[in-house]
PDB file of N, CA and C in Angstrom:
ATOM      1  N   UNK A   1       9.486 -21.284   1.728  1.00  0.00           N
ATOM      2  CA  UNK A   1       8.985 -20.023   1.179  1.00  0.00           C
ATOM      3  C   UNK A   1       7.452 -20.027   1.252  1.00  0.00           C
ATOM      4  N   UNK A   2       6.915 -19.000   1.827  1.00  0.00           N
ATOM      5  CA  UNK A   2       5.462 -18.926   1.942  1.00  0.00           C
ATOM      6  C   UNK A   2       4.855 -18.411   0.639  1.00  0.00           C
ATOM      7  N   UNK A   3       3.551 -18.549   0.519  1.00  0.00           N
ATOM      8  CA  UNK A   3       2.861 -18.101  -0.695  1.00  0.00           C
ATOM      9  C   UNK A   3       2.972 -16.597  -0.883  1.00  0.00           C
ATOM     10  N   UNK A   4       3.030 -15.854   0.213  1.00  0.00           N
ATOM     11  CA  UNK A   4       3.091 -14.399   0.119  1.00  0.00           C
ATOM     12  C   UNK A   4       4.469 -13.913  -0.302  1.00  0.00           C
ATOM     13  N   UNK A   5       5.457 -14.765  -0.289  1.00  0.00           N
ATOM     14  CA  UNK A   5       6.824 -14.384  -0.627  1.00  0.00           C
ATOM     15  C   UNK A   5       7.170 -14.768  -2.066  1.00  0.00           C
ATOM     16  N   UNK A   6       6.168 -15.035  -2.910  1.00  0.00           N
ATOM     17  CA  UNK A   6       6.427 -15.502  -4.265  1.00  0.00           C
ATOM     18  C   UNK A   6       6.115 -14.462  -5.326  1.00  0.00           C
ATOM     19  N   UNK A   7       5.534 -13.346  -4.972  1.00  0.00           N
ATOM     20  CA  UNK A   7       5.152 -12.343  -5.958  1.00  0.00           C
ATOM     21  C   UNK A   7       6.315 -11.444  -6.324  1.00  0.00           C
ATOM     22  N   UNK A   8       6.029 -10.158  -6.450  1.00  0.00           N
ATOM     23  CA  UNK A   8       7.078  -9.221  -6.839  1.00  0.00           C
ATOM     24  C   UNK A   8       7.977  -8.869  -5.664  1.00  0.00           C
ATOM     25  N   UNK A   9       7.530  -9.160  -4.441  1.00  0.00           N
ATOM     26  CA  UNK A   9       8.337  -8.865  -3.256  1.00  0.00           C
ATOM     27  C   UNK A   9       9.181 -10.093  -2.925  1.00  0.00           C
ATOM     28  N   UNK A  10      10.239 -10.336  -3.697  1.00  0.00           N
ATOM     29  CA  UNK A  10      11.045 -11.539  -3.550  1.00  0.00           C
ATOM     30  C   UNK A  10      12.265 -11.280  -2.673  1.00  0.00           C
ATOM     31  N   UNK A  11      12.053 -10.786  -1.483  1.00  0.00           N
ATOM     32  CA  UNK A  11      13.156 -10.622  -0.541  1.00  0.00           C
ATOM     33  C   UNK A  11      12.767 -11.276   0.768  1.00  0.00           C
ATOM     34  N   UNK A  12      13.767 -11.548   1.586  1.00  0.00           N
ATOM     35  CA  UNK A  12      13.507 -12.198   2.867  1.00  0.00           C
ATOM     36  C   UNK A  12      12.628 -11.314   3.733  1.00  0.00           C
ATOM     37  N   UNK A  13      11.756 -11.927   4.481  1.00  0.00           N
ATOM     38  CA  UNK A  13      10.828 -11.238   5.387  1.00  0.00           C
ATOM     39  C   UNK A  13       9.832 -10.348   4.642  1.00  0.00           C
ATOM     40  N   UNK A  14       9.534 -10.660   3.388  1.00  0.00           N
ATOM     41  CA  UNK A  14       8.559  -9.867   2.636  1.00  0.00           C
ATOM     42  C   UNK A  14       7.153 -10.073   3.185  1.00  0.00           C
ATOM     43  N   UNK A  15       6.919 -11.192   3.851  1.00  0.00           N
ATOM     44  CA  UNK A  15       5.597 -11.450   4.406  1.00  0.00           C
ATOM     45  C   UNK A  15       5.548 -11.168   5.909  1.00  0.00           C
ATOM     46  N   UNK A  16       6.487 -10.362   6.404  1.00  0.00           N
ATOM     47  CA  UNK A  16       6.471 -10.021   7.824  1.00  0.00           C
ATOM     48  C   UNK A  16       5.396  -8.978   8.094  1.00  0.00           C
ATOM     49  N   UNK A  17       4.999  -8.876   9.320  1.00  0.00           N
ATOM     50  CA  UNK A  17       3.955  -7.927   9.681  1.00  0.00           C
ATOM     51  C   UNK A  17       4.341  -6.488   9.419  1.00  0.00           C
ATOM     52  N   UNK A  18       5.613  -6.166   9.632  1.00  0.00           N
ATOM     53  CA  UNK A  18       6.073  -4.792   9.423  1.00  0.00           C
ATOM     54  C   UNK A  18       6.003  -4.417   7.943  1.00  0.00           C
ATOM     55  N   UNK A  19       6.438  -5.305   7.072  1.00  0.00           N
ATOM     56  CA  UNK A  19       6.416  -5.022   5.636  1.00  0.00           C
ATOM     57  C   UNK A  19       4.987  -4.894   5.127  1.00  0.00           C
ATOM     58  N   UNK A  20       4.104  -5.750   5.598  1.00  0.00           N
ATOM     59  CA  UNK A  20       2.706  -5.688   5.179  1.00  0.00           C
ATOM     60  C   UNK A  20       2.053  -4.414   5.696  1.00  0.00           C
ATOM     61  N   UNK A  21       2.313  -4.058   6.943  1.00  0.00           N
ATOM     62  CA  UNK A  21       1.737  -2.840   7.512  1.00  0.00           C
ATOM     63  C   UNK A  21       2.250  -1.601   6.796  1.00  0.00           C
ATOM     64  N   UNK A  22       3.533  -1.554   6.509  1.00  0.00           N
ATOM     65  CA  UNK A  22       4.117  -0.399   5.824  1.00  0.00           C
ATOM     66  C   UNK A  22       3.539  -0.239   4.426  1.00  0.00           C
ATOM     67  N   UNK A  23       3.449  -1.319   3.681  1.00  0.00           N
ATOM     68  CA  UNK A  23       2.907  -1.223   2.324  1.00  0.00           C
ATOM     69  C   UNK A  23       1.427  -0.881   2.340  1.00  0.00           C
ATOM     70  N   UNK A  24       0.680  -1.372   3.316  1.00  0.00           N
ATOM     71  CA  UNK A  24      -0.738  -1.038   3.379  1.00  0.00           C
ATOM     72  C   UNK A  24      -0.945   0.428   3.755  1.00  0.00           C
ATOM     73  N   UNK A  25      -0.105   0.965   4.621  1.00  0.00           N
ATOM     74  CA  UNK A  25      -0.200   2.385   4.971  1.00  0.00           C
ATOM     75  C   UNK A  25       0.112   3.255   3.760  1.00  0.00           C
ATOM     76  N   UNK A  26       1.124   2.870   2.982  1.00  0.00           N
ATOM     77  CA  UNK A  26       1.473   3.636   1.787  1.00  0.00           C
ATOM     78  C   UNK A  26       0.339   3.592   0.771  1.00  0.00           C
ATOM     79  N   UNK A  27      -0.225   2.416   0.546  1.00  0.00           N
ATOM     80  CA  UNK A  27      -1.298   2.273  -0.441  1.00  0.00           C
ATOM     81  C   UNK A  27      -2.550   3.019   0.005  1.00  0.00           C
ATOM     82  N   UNK A  28      -2.946   2.854   1.259  1.00  0.00           N
ATOM     83  CA  UNK A  28      -4.147   3.537   1.748  1.00  0.00           C
ATOM     84  C   UNK A  28      -3.951   5.044   1.801  1.00  0.00           C
ATOM     85  N   UNK A  29      -2.739   5.491   2.106  1.00  0.00           N
ATOM     86  CA  UNK A  29      -2.452   6.919   2.092  1.00  0.00           C
ATOM     87  C   UNK A  29      -2.543   7.505   0.696  1.00  0.00           C
ATOM     88  N   UNK A  30      -2.058   6.763  -0.290  1.00  0.00           N
ATOM     89  CA  UNK A  30      -2.151   7.232  -1.671  1.00  0.00           C
ATOM     90  C   UNK A  30      -3.604   7.293  -2.131  1.00  0.00           C
ATOM     91  N   UNK A  31      -4.391   6.299  -1.767  1.00  0.00           N
ATOM     92  CA  UNK A  31      -5.810   6.308  -2.132  1.00  0.00           C
ATOM     93  C   UNK A  31      -6.527   7.478  -1.466  1.00  0.00           C
ATOM     94  N   UNK A  32      -6.256   7.702  -0.192  1.00  0.00           N
ATOM     95  CA  UNK A  32      -6.886   8.812   0.520  1.00  0.00           C
ATOM     96  C   UNK A  32      -6.496  10.146  -0.086  1.00  0.00           C
ATOM     97  N   UNK A  33      -5.228  10.280  -0.459  1.00  0.00           N
ATOM     98  CA  UNK A  33      -4.766  11.517  -1.099  1.00  0.00           C
ATOM     99  C   UNK A  33      -5.484  11.758  -2.414  1.00  0.00           C
ATOM    100  N   UNK A  34      -5.649  10.717  -3.206  1.00  0.00           N
ATOM    101  CA  UNK A  34      -6.354  10.856  -4.484  1.00  0.00           C
ATOM    102  C   UNK A  34      -7.820  11.204  -4.289  1.00  0.00           C
ATOM    103  N   UNK A  35      -8.457  10.617  -3.277  1.00  0.00           N
ATOM    104  CA  UNK A  35      -9.869  10.912  -3.010  1.00  0.00           C
ATOM    105  C   UNK A  35     -10.026  12.365  -2.577  1.00  0.00           C
ATOM    106  N   UNK A  36      -9.166  12.830  -1.683  1.00  0.00           N
ATOM    107  CA  UNK A  36      -9.242  14.221  -1.215  1.00  0.00           C
ATOM    108  C   UNK A  36      -8.982  15.180  -2.370  1.00  0.00           C
ATOM    109  N   UNK A  37      -7.989  14.858  -3.201  1.00  0.00           N
ATOM    110  CA  UNK A  37      -7.677  15.708  -4.351  1.00  0.00           C
ATOM    111  C   UNK A  37      -8.846  15.743  -5.335  1.00  0.00           C
ATOM    112  N   UNK A  38      -9.488  14.610  -5.564  1.00  0.00           N
ATOM    113  CA  UNK A  38     -10.632  14.555  -6.485  1.00  0.00           C
ATOM    114  C   UNK A  38     -11.810  15.343  -5.952  1.00  0.00           C
ATOM    115  N   UNK A  39     -12.073  15.270  -4.657  1.00  0.00           N
ATOM    116  CA  UNK A  39     -13.187  16.023  -4.064  1.00  0.00           C
ATOM    117  C   UNK A  39     -12.909  17.514  -4.140  1.00  0.00           C
ATOM    118  N   UNK A  40     -11.684  17.900  -3.850  1.00  0.00           N
ATOM    119  CA  UNK A  40     -11.340  19.323  -3.919  1.00  0.00           C
ATOM    120  C   UNK A  40     -11.395  19.837  -5.359  1.00  0.00           C
ATOM    121  N   UNK A  41     -11.008  19.031  -6.313  1.00  0.00           N
ATOM    122  CA  UNK A  41     -11.051  19.452  -7.705  1.00  0.00           C
ATOM    123  C   UNK A  41     -12.484  19.546  -8.225  1.00  0.00           C
ATOM    124  N   UNK A  42     -13.340  18.668  -7.751  1.00  0.00           N
ATOM    125  CA  UNK A  42     -14.717  18.615  -8.257  1.00  0.00           C
ATOM    126  C   UNK A  42     -15.559  19.744  -7.662  1.00  0.00           C
ATOM    127  N   UNK A  43     -15.290  20.111  -6.428  1.00  0.00           N
ATOM    128  CA  UNK A  43     -16.130  21.076  -5.733  1.00  0.00           C
ATOM    129  C   UNK A  43     -15.332  22.336  -5.381  1.00  0.00           C
ATOM    130  N   UNK A  44     -14.856  23.028  -6.386  1.00  0.00           N
ATOM    131  CA  UNK A  44     -14.117  24.270  -6.144  1.00  0.00           C
ATOM    132  C   UNK A  44     -15.070  25.408  -5.820  1.00  0.00           C
TER     133      UNK A  44
END
């Protein structure tokens, strides 16, 4: 078991490139959405 497979993602292949890429896209997309929403709310 690798170090990356010990956190909350306790399933096989949790440290695979596909899983890491998918989770990073989701996280970065959520951050980008929040930034765009905050800019639009601040500068109406």
